[in-house]
């Protein structure tokens, strides 16, 4: 074990301990303040984020895009504070912080999943970690495809945090078999759709009007398992610690008989569902990610 890993884990564990010791409202205020610092002083990531916002919202003014980015940084700080407090959530106190936009819609999703398993389309928006955690508390644990972090100590710490409500982390390199097994056992698997992929692991679909290399994993799994894909997100209410679970209509597989074409067509539909949510809540996504890094052959780089 590298000494650097031990120091990083010490900082990670200390940070969680400090935030957990603070009253929840205070922890969220401190988190938002740290997000402000990130916005002001992390020039490199700020430049990437502003490039992304220019791509996504060319019609907005520079001041509007900077306002979205600052609010995004503040939300990210709040997310970090809330993650430290996940262990304090219980089924009894959950309603203080979370409501369902349409509880009947979620009941219908759970009923459908109980018959054929389910795939949840989501991304790193709102408080994505809390989304999985609360469903575990409600008796519907979610499995997540997990890319191990470089620091194994921090990686195990994150998995322990997630596992407090029964969330399972499926290692990415062996995820396909585990996902299929989970779906066949009538389980729920959440797969993010919002990360850049290398050309060999994704297909190009439009995202905010620009080609973005997007995972084809969700489409392949939908084809293999015949499970419906449900867009589900946890959206923050303003600057508060209140959230709402938004469940969108199922995206059923469109089958033309041409698998390669169907992968692209269905992935585009998944991407459209995520983009529609981001247009409603742009301040709740992590704009620092180089979403358009992989370009179609011959196209110039954005970053």
Protein backbone atom coordinates (compact mmCIF):
# COMPACT_ATOMS: atom_id res chain seq x y z
CA UNK A 1 0.00 0.00 0.00
CA UNK A 2 1.46 3.36 -1.01
CA UNK A 3 2.02 5.99 1.66
CA UNK A 4 0.15 8.44 -0.57
CA UNK A 5 -2.91 6.17 -0.48
CA UNK A 6 -2.86 6.14 3.31
CA UNK A 7 -2.66 9.94 3.54
CA UNK A 8 -5.47 10.34 0.99
CA UNK A 9 -7.64 7.92 2.94
CA UNK A 10 -6.87 9.76 6.18
CA UNK A 11 -8.05 13.01 4.58
CA UNK A 12 -11.14 11.25 3.19
CA UNK A 13 -12.09 9.68 6.53
CA UNK A 14 -11.37 12.89 8.45
CA UNK A 15 -13.52 14.93 6.08
CA UNK A 16 -16.43 12.52 6.47
CA UNK A 17 -16.02 12.54 10.25
CA UNK A 18 -15.99 16.34 10.43
CA UNK A 19 -19.05 16.78 8.22
CA UNK A 20 -20.91 13.99 10.02
CA UNK A 21 -20.27 15.69 13.36
CA UNK A 22 -21.88 18.93 12.15
CA UNK A 23 -25.64 19.46 12.27
CA UNK A 24 -27.02 18.70 8.84
CA UNK A 25 -28.00 22.33 7.99
CA UNK A 26 -24.54 23.55 9.03
CA UNK A 27 -22.84 20.80 7.02
CA UNK A 28 -24.76 21.84 3.90
CA UNK A 29 -23.84 25.51 4.37
CA UNK A 30 -20.17 24.57 4.76
CA UNK A 31 -20.40 22.33 1.70
CA UNK A 32 -21.88 25.16 -0.37
CA UNK A 33 -19.10 27.46 0.82
CA UNK A 34 -16.46 24.92 -0.26
CA UNK A 35 -18.24 24.76 -3.62
CA UNK A 36 -17.86 28.54 -3.89
CA UNK A 37 -14.14 28.19 -3.28
CA UNK A 38 -13.94 25.54 -5.99
CA UNK A 39 -15.65 27.89 -8.43
CA UNK A 40 -13.41 30.82 -7.59
CA UNK A 41 -10.00 29.18 -7.41
CA UNK A 42 -10.02 26.03 -9.60
CA UNK A 43 -9.29 27.84 -12.85
CA UNK A 44 -8.50 24.72 -14.91
CA UNK A 45 -11.78 22.95 -14.15
CA UNK A 46 -13.70 26.22 -14.42
CA UNK A 47 -12.42 26.64 -17.99
CA UNK A 48 -13.59 23.12 -18.92
CA UNK A 49 -17.00 23.72 -17.37
CA UNK A 50 -17.49 27.04 -19.15
CA UNK A 51 -16.58 25.39 -22.45
CA UNK A 52 -19.23 22.74 -21.79
CA UNK A 53 -21.81 25.37 -20.90
CA UNK A 54 -20.99 27.27 -24.11
CA UNK A 55 -21.61 24.06 -26.07
CA UNK A 56 -24.85 23.28 -24.23
CA UNK A 57 -26.30 26.78 -23.97
CA UNK A 58 -24.91 28.95 -26.78
CA UNK A 59 -27.89 31.29 -26.51
CA UNK A 60 -27.30 32.12 -22.86
CA UNK A 61 -25.14 35.05 -21.84
CA UNK A 62 -21.71 34.60 -20.27
CA UNK A 63 -23.07 35.81 -16.93
CA UNK A 64 -25.92 33.25 -17.08
CA UNK A 65 -23.48 30.42 -17.78
CA UNK A 66 -21.24 31.53 -14.91
CA UNK A 67 -24.26 31.65 -12.62
CA UNK A 68 -25.16 28.06 -13.58
CA UNK A 69 -21.58 26.95 -12.94
CA UNK A 70 -21.38 28.64 -9.54
CA UNK A 71 -24.70 27.08 -8.50
CA UNK A 72 -23.42 23.72 -9.77
CA UNK A 73 -20.32 24.00 -7.60
CA UNK A 74 -22.43 24.92 -4.58
CA UNK A 75 -24.71 21.94 -5.26
CA UNK A 76 -21.69 19.65 -5.48
CA UNK A 77 -20.57 20.86 -2.05
CA UNK A 78 -24.01 20.15 -0.62
CA UNK A 79 -23.97 16.70 -2.21
CA UNK A 80 -20.68 15.93 -0.48
CA UNK A 81 -22.09 17.06 2.88
CA UNK A 82 -25.23 14.96 2.40
CA UNK A 83 -23.22 11.88 1.51
CA UNK A 84 -21.44 12.20 4.85
CA UNK A 85 -24.86 12.14 6.53
CA UNK A 86 -26.30 9.19 4.60
CA UNK A 87 -25.93 6.86 7.59
CA UNK A 88 -28.27 9.12 9.57
CA UNK A 89 -31.12 8.57 7.12
CA UNK A 90 -33.75 6.03 8.14
CA UNK A 91 -37.03 4.92 6.69
CA UNK A 92 -38.77 6.86 9.46
CA UNK A 93 -37.07 10.23 8.85
CA UNK A 94 -36.71 9.98 5.07
CA UNK A 95 -39.86 11.99 4.35
CA UNK A 96 -38.22 15.07 5.91
CA UNK A 97 -35.82 15.20 2.99
CA UNK A 98 -37.34 13.28 0.07
CA UNK A 99 -40.68 13.12 -1.69
CA UNK A 100 -41.86 11.43 -4.87
CA UNK A 101 -43.11 13.61 -7.68
CA UNK A 102 -45.56 10.85 -8.56
CA UNK A 103 -45.67 8.02 -6.04
CA UNK A 104 -48.05 5.98 -8.18
CA UNK A 105 -45.57 6.10 -11.06
CA UNK A 106 -42.83 4.68 -8.83
CA UNK A 107 -45.18 1.98 -7.50
CA UNK A 108 -45.83 0.99 -11.11
CA UNK A 109 -42.09 0.84 -11.77
CA UNK A 110 -41.55 -1.41 -8.75
CA UNK A 111 -44.38 -3.68 -9.87
CA UNK A 112 -42.89 -3.96 -13.36
CA UNK A 113 -39.41 -4.63 -11.97
CA UNK A 114 -40.84 -7.37 -9.79
CA UNK A 115 -41.87 -9.15 -12.97
CA UNK A 116 -38.86 -8.65 -15.25
CA UNK A 117 -36.17 -6.66 -13.43
CA UNK A 118 -35.33 -3.08 -14.24
CA UNK A 119 -32.67 -0.79 -15.64
CA UNK A 120 -32.49 2.74 -14.24
CA UNK A 121 -31.12 5.43 -16.53
CA UNK A 122 -29.48 8.13 -14.45
CA UNK A 123 -26.34 10.23 -14.21
CA UNK A 124 -24.22 12.42 -11.96
CA UNK A 125 -26.94 14.97 -11.42
CA UNK A 126 -28.72 16.15 -8.27
CA UNK A 127 -27.59 13.86 -5.46
CA UNK A 128 -27.06 10.61 -7.36
CA UNK A 129 -25.59 8.73 -4.37
CA UNK A 130 -28.59 9.60 -2.22
CA UNK A 131 -30.92 8.39 -4.97
CA UNK A 132 -29.60 4.85 -4.67
CA UNK A 133 -29.41 4.99 -0.87
CA UNK A 134 -33.02 6.01 -0.29
CA UNK A 135 -34.36 3.25 -2.51
CA UNK A 136 -32.40 0.77 -0.45
CA UNK A 137 -34.02 2.19 2.70
CA UNK A 138 -37.42 1.70 1.06
CA UNK A 139 -36.69 -1.97 0.48
CA UNK A 140 -35.61 -1.76 -3.16
CA UNK A 141 -31.80 -1.93 -3.15
CA UNK A 142 -30.05 -0.78 -6.29
CA UNK A 143 -26.93 -2.20 -7.93
CA UNK A 144 -24.47 0.26 -9.45
CA UNK A 145 -21.79 -0.38 -12.05
CA UNK A 146 -18.64 0.78 -10.24
CA UNK A 147 -15.31 1.82 -11.73
CA UNK A 148 -12.69 1.26 -8.99
CA UNK A 149 -10.84 4.37 -7.84
CA UNK A 150 -7.07 4.59 -8.01
CA UNK A 151 -6.83 4.61 -4.23
CA UNK A 152 -8.10 1.20 -2.99
CA UNK A 153 -8.63 2.47 0.55
CA UNK A 154 -10.86 5.33 -0.57
CA UNK A 155 -12.58 2.96 -3.01
CA UNK A 156 -13.49 0.58 -0.19
CA UNK A 157 -14.65 3.52 1.91
CA UNK A 158 -17.04 4.69 -0.82
CA UNK A 159 -18.41 1.17 -1.27
CA UNK A 160 -19.03 0.93 2.50
CA UNK A 161 -20.90 4.26 2.47
CA UNK A 162 -23.09 3.11 -0.40
CA UNK A 163 -23.68 -0.27 1.19
CA UNK A 164 -25.27 1.16 4.32
CA UNK A 165 -28.71 0.78 2.74
CA UNK A 166 -27.93 -2.30 0.68
CA UNK A 167 -26.58 -0.65 -2.48
CA UNK A 168 -24.34 -3.08 -4.37
CA UNK A 169 -21.30 -1.94 -6.33
CA UNK A 170 -20.63 -4.12 -9.39
CA UNK A 171 -17.06 -3.97 -10.64
CA UNK A 172 -17.07 -2.57 -14.17
CA UNK A 173 -14.76 -5.20 -15.62
CA UNK A 174 -17.18 -7.98 -14.65
CA UNK A 175 -20.36 -5.93 -14.66
CA UNK A 176 -22.15 -7.42 -17.68
CA UNK A 177 -22.62 -10.87 -16.20
CA UNK A 178 -23.56 -9.47 -12.79
CA UNK A 179 -26.06 -7.04 -14.29
CA UNK A 180 -27.74 -9.79 -16.30
CA UNK A 181 -27.87 -12.01 -13.23
CA UNK A 182 -29.33 -9.17 -11.17
CA UNK A 183 -32.01 -8.40 -13.75
CA UNK A 184 -32.97 -12.06 -14.07
CA UNK A 185 -33.35 -12.14 -10.28
CA UNK A 186 -35.81 -9.22 -10.63
CA UNK A 187 -33.32 -6.68 -9.27
CA UNK A 188 -32.65 -3.04 -10.13
CA UNK A 189 -29.49 -1.82 -11.84
CA UNK A 190 -28.69 1.90 -12.27
CA UNK A 191 -26.41 2.92 -15.13
CA UNK A 192 -25.18 6.49 -15.70
CA UNK A 193 -25.49 7.80 -19.24
CA UNK A 194 -23.54 11.07 -18.85
CA UNK A 195 -19.85 10.18 -19.01
CA UNK A 196 -17.56 10.47 -22.03
CA UNK A 197 -16.49 7.13 -23.50
CA UNK A 198 -13.55 6.19 -25.66
CA UNK A 199 -14.47 5.41 -29.26
CA UNK A 200 -14.35 1.65 -28.68
CA UNK A 201 -16.75 1.74 -25.74
CA UNK A 202 -19.41 4.08 -27.00
CA UNK A 203 -21.44 5.35 -29.94
CA UNK A 204 -21.87 8.93 -31.06
CA UNK A 205 -25.29 10.42 -30.39
CA UNK A 206 -26.41 14.03 -30.16
CA UNK A 207 -26.15 15.64 -26.75
CA UNK A 208 -27.10 19.32 -26.65
CA UNK A 209 -26.77 19.34 -30.43
CA UNK A 210 -23.20 18.00 -30.57
CA UNK A 211 -22.01 14.41 -31.13
CA UNK A 212 -21.01 12.89 -27.79
CA UNK A 213 -19.48 9.44 -27.38
CA UNK A 214 -21.95 7.69 -25.10
CA UNK A 215 -21.90 4.26 -23.47
CA UNK A 216 -23.66 1.57 -25.46
CA UNK A 217 -23.78 -0.64 -22.37
CA UNK A 218 -27.28 0.38 -21.36
CA UNK A 219 -28.66 -0.34 -24.82
CA UNK A 220 -26.94 -3.72 -25.04
CA UNK A 221 -28.28 -4.71 -21.61
CA UNK A 222 -31.78 -3.58 -22.52
CA UNK A 223 -31.59 -5.76 -25.64
CA UNK A 224 -30.23 -8.79 -23.78
CA UNK A 225 -32.55 -8.65 -20.77
CA UNK A 226 -35.68 -7.13 -22.34
CA UNK A 227 -35.99 -5.03 -19.21
CA UNK A 228 -37.52 -1.58 -19.58
CA UNK A 229 -35.26 1.44 -19.08
CA UNK A 230 -36.63 3.97 -16.60
CA UNK A 231 -35.13 7.46 -16.35
CA UNK A 232 -35.06 8.25 -12.61
CA UNK A 233 -33.47 11.30 -10.98
CA UNK A 234 -33.26 12.94 -7.58
CA UNK A 235 -33.67 16.70 -8.01
CA UNK A 236 -32.87 19.21 -5.28
CA UNK A 237 -35.49 21.80 -4.44
CA UNK A 238 -33.66 25.10 -4.86
CA UNK A 239 -30.83 25.50 -2.34
CA UNK A 240 -32.55 23.41 0.32
CA UNK A 241 -31.95 19.91 1.67
CA UNK A 242 -35.28 18.79 0.19
CA UNK A 243 -35.30 16.50 -2.84
CA UNK A 244 -37.87 15.02 -5.18
CA UNK A 245 -37.65 11.67 -6.98
CA UNK A 246 -38.66 12.15 -10.59
CA UNK A 247 -39.65 8.99 -12.46
CA UNK A 248 -40.06 9.30 -16.22
CA UNK A 249 -42.02 6.93 -18.51
CA UNK A 250 -40.32 3.68 -19.47
CA UNK A 251 -38.21 3.66 -22.61
CA UNK A 252 -38.96 0.32 -24.24
CA UNK A 253 -36.50 -1.18 -26.70
CA UNK A 254 -37.07 -0.28 -30.36
CA UNK A 255 -36.12 -3.25 -32.52
CA UNK A 256 -35.66 -2.86 -36.29
CA UNK A 257 -33.74 -6.09 -36.69
CA UNK A 258 -30.46 -4.25 -37.31
CA UNK A 259 -28.60 -4.43 -33.99
CA UNK A 260 -25.94 -1.83 -34.77
CA UNK A 261 -28.54 0.70 -35.85
CA UNK A 262 -30.78 -0.16 -32.89
CA UNK A 263 -27.94 0.43 -30.43
CA UNK A 264 -27.51 3.96 -31.77
CA UNK A 265 -31.24 4.71 -32.00
CA UNK A 266 -31.98 3.54 -28.47
CA UNK A 267 -28.88 5.19 -27.00
CA UNK A 268 -30.03 8.46 -28.59
CA UNK A 269 -33.39 8.08 -26.84
CA UNK A 270 -31.65 7.52 -23.50
CA UNK A 271 -29.41 10.54 -24.07
CA UNK A 272 -32.43 12.68 -24.98
CA UNK A 273 -34.14 11.74 -21.71
CA UNK A 274 -31.06 12.77 -19.72
CA UNK A 275 -30.65 16.00 -21.67
CA UNK A 276 -34.29 16.92 -21.03
CA UNK A 277 -33.69 16.59 -17.30
CA UNK A 278 -30.49 18.65 -17.47
CA UNK A 279 -32.28 21.44 -19.29
CA UNK A 280 -34.63 21.68 -16.31
CA UNK A 281 -31.85 21.48 -13.71
CA UNK A 282 -28.59 22.62 -15.34
CA UNK A 283 -27.19 23.81 -12.00
CA UNK A 284 -27.30 20.24 -10.64
CA UNK A 285 -24.89 18.55 -13.06
CA UNK A 286 -21.09 18.33 -12.78
CA UNK A 287 -20.02 20.52 -15.71
CA UNK A 288 -16.31 19.91 -15.03
CA UNK A 289 -16.43 16.56 -16.84
CA UNK A 290 -15.01 16.61 -20.40
CA UNK A 291 -18.23 15.21 -21.84
CA UNK A 292 -17.33 15.97 -25.48
CA UNK A 293 -13.66 14.90 -25.25
CA UNK A 294 -13.91 11.99 -27.72
CA UNK A 295 -14.65 13.43 -31.15
CA UNK A 296 -15.76 11.84 -34.41
CA UNK A 297 -12.87 11.36 -36.79
CA UNK A 298 -11.82 14.63 -38.34
CA UNK A 299 -13.62 16.90 -35.89
CA UNK A 300 -11.59 19.39 -33.81
CA UNK A 301 -11.14 19.02 -30.08
CA UNK A 302 -13.06 21.20 -27.65
CA UNK A 303 -10.58 21.03 -24.76
